[in-house]
């Protein structure tokens, strides 16, 4: 067990999957992620996720959580209030695997259909114990909200800076620097060398302890500028040259809480509880 001078510098909550995140000063860690994170999702008629991969304009939607639901705003759309559904009207949905039930949020259907440009529905995960994580990289008891695979993700400022240095030296230098928001991390830390996180296996952030499930294989979501919704070529082009294994590009870590109920706060110390000798390749 080695202590290194690493600090938590940002916490991000994504209330609606694929929509804009909200920076927080503190957050409670629940078994399935940060409190309020990705409990809402837009789905198509078959219950599949509708995301910014196909509809980049979703990154411009600003969700704000309230005690009773959501306030949604977006360019060229009127602000709307969506109450938390009572859970009596359920529909089967999926995120990569499934299906599992979620509650229809009728008040958001037409609003998101107008934003997306096709008929969609808004759903709420009223019971977050319904969805299990990938058993290949987790335990039977682990659960996750509507996040792609695991409850949280962690990125380091130093590794983002390293990516930007590589982008600036490459054929798409005009796209640098890329904001941290491209990678949509739950938590951001500072104080470790670039790519040191590849070797981490258990991490303490403040009073919360996390297992590293695996590295994050990155998709076209990272190509979308979170301020303009314009799609570019980076960082995937650069990661494909420098961080490609198993046919995928890798950046950041997927985390699973060990226990729940702790609150993390920007400025918390970060301790690496377990690591492995560095090997060229993504964390497993």
Protein backbone atom coordinates (compact mmCIF):
# COMPACT_ATOMS: atom_id res chain seq x y z
CA UNK A 1 0.00 0.00 0.00
CA UNK A 2 1.57 3.26 -1.13
CA UNK A 3 0.37 6.77 -0.44
CA UNK A 4 0.93 9.33 -3.18
CA UNK A 5 0.06 13.05 -3.17
CA UNK A 6 -3.03 12.87 -5.33
CA UNK A 7 -6.10 15.11 -4.93
CA UNK A 8 -9.70 15.00 -6.10
CA UNK A 9 -10.19 18.07 -8.30
CA UNK A 10 -13.64 17.60 -9.87
CA UNK A 11 -16.89 15.66 -9.43
CA UNK A 12 -19.36 15.39 -12.31
CA UNK A 13 -22.93 14.13 -12.30
CA UNK A 14 -24.77 13.24 -15.51
CA UNK A 15 -28.41 13.21 -14.49
CA UNK A 16 -29.67 12.16 -17.94
CA UNK A 17 -27.58 9.72 -19.94
CA UNK A 18 -25.79 11.49 -22.86
CA UNK A 19 -26.85 14.97 -21.74
CA UNK A 20 -24.64 17.69 -20.25
CA UNK A 21 -22.99 17.02 -16.92
CA UNK A 22 -23.07 19.14 -13.78
CA UNK A 23 -20.00 19.91 -11.72
CA UNK A 24 -20.44 19.34 -7.99
CA UNK A 25 -18.40 20.23 -4.94
CA UNK A 26 -19.47 17.07 -3.13
CA UNK A 27 -21.55 13.96 -3.80
CA UNK A 28 -22.74 10.86 -2.01
CA UNK A 29 -21.42 7.58 -3.38
CA UNK A 30 -24.17 4.99 -3.80
CA UNK A 31 -23.59 1.34 -4.82
CA UNK A 32 -24.67 2.11 -8.43
CA UNK A 33 -22.84 5.45 -8.78
CA UNK A 34 -22.94 9.03 -7.57
CA UNK A 35 -26.31 10.00 -6.10
CA UNK A 36 -28.56 11.14 -8.95
CA UNK A 37 -26.17 10.06 -11.69
CA UNK A 38 -27.69 8.61 -14.88
CA UNK A 39 -30.99 7.58 -13.34
CA UNK A 40 -32.75 9.06 -16.41
CA UNK A 41 -32.38 7.92 -20.03
CA UNK A 42 -33.93 8.55 -23.44
CA UNK A 43 -35.06 5.40 -25.25
CA UNK A 44 -36.53 4.42 -28.60
CA UNK A 45 -39.65 2.36 -29.24
CA UNK A 46 -37.75 -0.87 -28.53
CA UNK A 47 -36.35 0.40 -25.22
CA UNK A 48 -32.84 0.91 -26.53
CA UNK A 49 -30.82 3.94 -25.41
CA UNK A 50 -30.94 7.06 -27.58
CA UNK A 51 -27.60 8.78 -27.09
CA UNK A 52 -25.34 11.53 -28.38
CA UNK A 53 -23.50 8.93 -30.44
CA UNK A 54 -26.32 9.27 -32.98
CA UNK A 55 -27.73 12.62 -31.81
CA UNK A 56 -24.85 14.91 -30.80
CA UNK A 57 -27.23 17.76 -29.92
CA UNK A 58 -28.06 15.91 -26.70
CA UNK A 59 -24.80 17.16 -25.16
CA UNK A 60 -26.34 20.65 -25.21
CA UNK A 61 -29.31 19.60 -23.06
CA UNK A 62 -28.90 20.88 -19.50
CA UNK A 63 -30.65 18.75 -16.86
CA UNK A 64 -30.94 20.10 -13.34
CA UNK A 65 -32.04 17.74 -10.58
CA UNK A 66 -34.66 18.92 -8.11
CA UNK A 67 -36.07 17.08 -5.09
CA UNK A 68 -39.10 16.16 -7.20
CA UNK A 69 -37.61 15.51 -10.64
CA UNK A 70 -35.80 17.36 -13.44
CA UNK A 71 -35.69 20.77 -15.02
CA UNK A 72 -34.61 20.47 -18.66
CA UNK A 73 -33.35 23.23 -20.94
CA UNK A 74 -31.75 23.24 -24.39
CA UNK A 75 -31.07 25.67 -27.25
CA UNK A 76 -34.25 26.45 -29.19
CA UNK A 77 -36.43 24.59 -26.66
CA UNK A 78 -38.61 25.88 -23.86
CA UNK A 79 -37.62 24.91 -20.33
CA UNK A 80 -39.68 22.05 -18.92
CA UNK A 81 -40.19 20.44 -15.53
CA UNK A 82 -40.41 16.63 -15.41
CA UNK A 83 -41.58 15.04 -12.14
CA UNK A 84 -40.17 11.75 -10.92
CA UNK A 85 -42.62 9.09 -12.17
CA UNK A 86 -44.46 7.06 -9.58
CA UNK A 87 -43.18 3.76 -11.02
CA UNK A 88 -46.58 2.29 -11.86
CA UNK A 89 -46.02 2.52 -15.63
CA UNK A 90 -42.97 0.38 -16.43
CA UNK A 91 -41.33 -0.51 -19.74
CA UNK A 92 -38.47 -2.85 -20.58
CA UNK A 93 -35.24 -1.07 -21.53
CA UNK A 94 -31.66 -2.10 -22.15
CA UNK A 95 -28.14 -0.69 -22.04
CA UNK A 96 -25.92 -3.07 -24.03
CA UNK A 97 -27.51 -5.98 -22.17
CA UNK A 98 -30.96 -6.46 -20.75
CA UNK A 99 -33.84 -6.13 -20.62
CA UNK A 100 -34.79 -4.65 -17.26
CA UNK A 101 -37.76 -2.44 -16.27
CA UNK A 102 -37.72 1.35 -15.87
CA UNK A 103 -40.48 3.86 -15.21
CA UNK A 104 -41.90 5.95 -18.06
CA UNK A 105 -41.58 9.72 -17.50
CA UNK A 106 -44.45 10.77 -19.75
CA UNK A 107 -43.89 14.51 -19.25
CA UNK A 108 -40.53 14.34 -21.02
CA UNK A 109 -41.49 12.35 -24.12
CA UNK A 110 -42.59 15.16 -26.44
CA UNK A 111 -39.85 17.55 -25.30
CA UNK A 112 -37.03 15.10 -26.04
CA UNK A 113 -38.72 13.99 -29.27
CA UNK A 114 -38.54 17.59 -30.48
CA UNK A 115 -34.88 17.94 -29.43
CA UNK A 116 -33.87 14.65 -31.06
CA UNK A 117 -36.06 14.99 -34.15
CA UNK A 118 -37.75 11.62 -33.83
CA UNK A 119 -40.17 9.92 -31.48
CA UNK A 120 -38.46 8.93 -28.22
CA UNK A 121 -39.40 8.37 -24.59
CA UNK A 122 -37.83 9.42 -21.29
CA UNK A 123 -37.47 6.78 -18.59
CA UNK A 124 -36.38 6.80 -14.96
CA UNK A 125 -34.63 3.98 -13.12
CA UNK A 126 -36.89 3.92 -10.08
CA UNK A 127 -35.15 0.84 -8.66
CA UNK A 128 -31.36 0.98 -9.31
CA UNK A 129 -30.84 -2.53 -7.97
CA UNK A 130 -32.32 -3.99 -11.17
CA UNK A 131 -29.27 -3.72 -13.40
CA UNK A 132 -26.12 -5.76 -12.78
CA UNK A 133 -22.65 -4.87 -14.01
CA UNK A 134 -20.71 -7.04 -16.44
CA UNK A 135 -19.88 -10.20 -14.45
CA UNK A 136 -16.55 -10.58 -16.26
CA UNK A 137 -15.15 -7.59 -14.37
CA UNK A 138 -17.27 -7.38 -11.24
CA UNK A 139 -19.07 -9.26 -8.48
CA UNK A 140 -22.57 -10.71 -8.53
CA UNK A 141 -23.77 -8.08 -6.07
CA UNK A 142 -22.53 -5.06 -8.06
CA UNK A 143 -25.13 -2.78 -9.61
CA UNK A 144 -25.09 0.16 -12.02
CA UNK A 145 -27.55 2.83 -13.15
CA UNK A 146 -27.92 3.77 -16.84
CA UNK A 147 -24.16 4.34 -17.20
CA UNK A 148 -22.64 2.35 -20.06
CA UNK A 149 -20.96 -0.28 -17.92
CA UNK A 150 -19.90 0.61 -14.38
CA UNK A 151 -20.96 3.00 -11.61
CA UNK A 152 -18.20 5.63 -11.94
CA UNK A 153 -15.23 6.59 -14.09
CA UNK A 154 -11.99 8.26 -13.06
CA UNK A 155 -9.65 10.36 -15.20
CA UNK A 156 -6.46 12.23 -14.31
CA UNK A 157 -5.56 15.75 -15.33
CA UNK A 158 -2.08 14.59 -16.25
CA UNK A 159 -3.30 11.97 -18.72
CA UNK A 160 -5.64 14.47 -20.39
CA UNK A 161 -2.68 16.83 -20.72
CA UNK A 162 -0.64 14.00 -22.25
CA UNK A 163 -3.39 13.31 -24.79
CA UNK A 164 -3.51 17.00 -25.69
CA UNK A 165 0.26 17.08 -26.21
CA UNK A 166 -0.06 14.15 -28.61
CA UNK A 167 -3.01 15.73 -30.42
CA UNK A 168 -1.11 19.02 -30.77
CA UNK A 169 1.80 17.17 -32.38
CA UNK A 170 -0.40 15.28 -34.83
CA UNK A 171 -2.37 15.92 -38.01
CA UNK A 172 -5.40 17.31 -36.15
CA UNK A 173 -3.52 19.83 -34.01
CA UNK A 174 -6.23 22.40 -34.76
CA UNK A 175 -8.57 20.44 -32.45
CA UNK A 176 -6.31 20.80 -29.38
CA UNK A 177 -6.73 21.34 -26.54
CA UNK A 178 -9.56 18.96 -25.77
CA UNK A 179 -11.56 19.62 -22.62
CA UNK A 180 -11.82 17.04 -19.86
CA UNK A 181 -15.57 17.07 -20.51
CA UNK A 182 -14.95 15.08 -23.73
CA UNK A 183 -14.29 12.03 -21.56
CA UNK A 184 -17.28 12.55 -19.20
CA UNK A 185 -15.50 11.33 -16.04
CA UNK A 186 -17.37 11.01 -12.76
CA UNK A 187 -14.29 12.08 -10.82
CA UNK A 188 -11.06 13.81 -11.80
CA UNK A 189 -7.82 13.63 -9.84
CA UNK A 190 -4.47 15.41 -10.03
CA UNK A 191 -0.99 14.53 -8.78
CA UNK A 192 0.03 11.31 -10.53
CA UNK A 193 2.25 10.92 -13.60
CA UNK A 194 0.45 10.49 -16.93
CA UNK A 195 -0.98 6.99 -17.35
CA UNK A 196 -0.08 5.96 -13.78
CA UNK A 197 -3.75 5.03 -13.35
CA UNK A 198 -3.27 2.06 -15.70
CA UNK A 199 -1.68 0.21 -12.77
CA UNK A 200 -4.26 1.13 -10.09
CA UNK A 201 -6.57 -1.61 -8.78
CA UNK A 202 -8.08 -0.17 -5.54
CA UNK A 203 -8.39 3.53 -4.78
CA UNK A 204 -9.57 5.53 -1.78
CA UNK A 205 -11.08 8.96 -2.47
CA UNK A 206 -11.77 10.71 0.80
CA UNK A 207 -13.78 8.16 2.80
CA UNK A 208 -14.91 6.17 -0.26
CA UNK A 209 -13.08 3.08 -1.52
CA UNK A 210 -13.36 1.84 -5.10
CA UNK A 211 -12.31 -1.23 -7.05
CA UNK A 212 -11.02 -0.70 -10.57
CA UNK A 213 -13.20 -2.90 -12.78
CA UNK A 214 -11.28 -2.23 -15.99
CA UNK A 215 -10.04 0.53 -18.24
CA UNK A 216 -12.53 2.60 -20.26
CA UNK A 217 -12.63 1.75 -23.95
CA UNK A 218 -13.62 4.95 -25.68
CA UNK A 219 -16.32 5.49 -28.28
CA UNK A 220 -17.39 8.24 -30.68
CA UNK A 221 -18.92 10.21 -27.79
CA UNK A 222 -15.44 11.62 -27.15
CA UNK A 223 -15.38 13.11 -30.66
CA UNK A 224 -18.23 15.51 -29.81
CA UNK A 225 -17.34 19.01 -28.60
CA UNK A 226 -19.47 19.40 -25.45
CA UNK A 227 -19.86 23.15 -26.05
CA UNK A 228 -20.90 23.07 -29.70
CA UNK A 229 -22.03 19.46 -30.37
CA UNK A 230 -19.71 19.47 -33.43
CA UNK A 231 -18.04 16.13 -34.14
CA UNK A 232 -14.31 16.04 -34.89
CA UNK A 233 -11.63 13.36 -35.23
CA UNK A 234 -10.00 13.62 -31.82
CA UNK A 235 -9.17 12.12 -29.41
CA UNK A 236 -9.93 8.76 -31.06
CA UNK A 237 -7.42 9.28 -33.88
CA UNK A 238 -4.63 9.98 -31.40
CA UNK A 239 -5.64 7.28 -28.93
CA UNK A 240 -5.71 4.79 -31.82
CA UNK A 241 -2.03 5.56 -32.48
CA UNK A 242 -0.87 5.52 -28.86
CA UNK A 243 -3.45 3.72 -26.68
CA UNK A 244 -4.93 0.92 -28.77
CA UNK A 245 -5.13 -2.65 -27.53
CA UNK A 246 -7.54 -5.45 -28.37
CA UNK A 247 -8.89 -3.37 -31.25
CA UNK A 248 -10.11 -0.63 -28.87
CA UNK A 249 -8.84 2.76 -27.70
CA UNK A 250 -8.40 3.28 -23.96
CA UNK A 251 -8.56 6.23 -21.59
CA UNK A 252 -9.50 6.46 -17.88
CA UNK A 253 -10.78 3.84 -15.42
CA UNK A 254 -14.14 2.27 -14.58
CA UNK A 255 -14.78 2.12 -10.83
CA UNK A 256 -17.08 0.14 -8.54
CA UNK A 257 -17.70 1.35 -4.98
CA UNK A 258 -16.69 -0.98 -2.15
CA UNK A 259 -19.45 -0.07 0.25
CA UNK A 260 -21.69 2.96 -0.02
CA UNK A 261 -22.87 6.02 1.84
CA UNK A 262 -19.59 7.93 1.91
CA UNK A 263 -19.54 11.52 0.66
CA UNK A 264 -16.65 12.69 -1.49
CA UNK A 265 -15.66 16.36 -1.74
CA UNK A 266 -13.43 18.28 -4.11
CA UNK A 267 -10.07 18.60 -2.38
CA UNK A 268 -10.20 15.13 -0.81
CA UNK A 269 -6.98 13.16 -0.63
CA UNK A 270 -6.67 10.17 -2.95
CA UNK A 271 -4.78 7.06 -1.89
CA UNK A 272 -3.77 4.15 -4.09
CA UNK A 273 -4.53 1.10 -1.95
CA UNK A 274 -3.52 -1.52 -4.49
CA UNK A 275 -1.63 -1.42 -7.77
CA UNK A 276 0.21 -3.78 -10.09
CA UNK A 277 3.46 -3.57 -11.94
CA UNK A 278 2.81 -1.52 -15.04
CA UNK A 279 2.14 -3.57 -18.15
CA UNK A 280 1.55 -2.10 -21.57
CA UNK A 281 -2.18 -2.45 -22.04
CA UNK A 282 -5.48 -1.48 -20.45
CA UNK A 283 -6.30 -2.30 -16.80
CA UNK A 284 -8.05 -5.65 -16.38
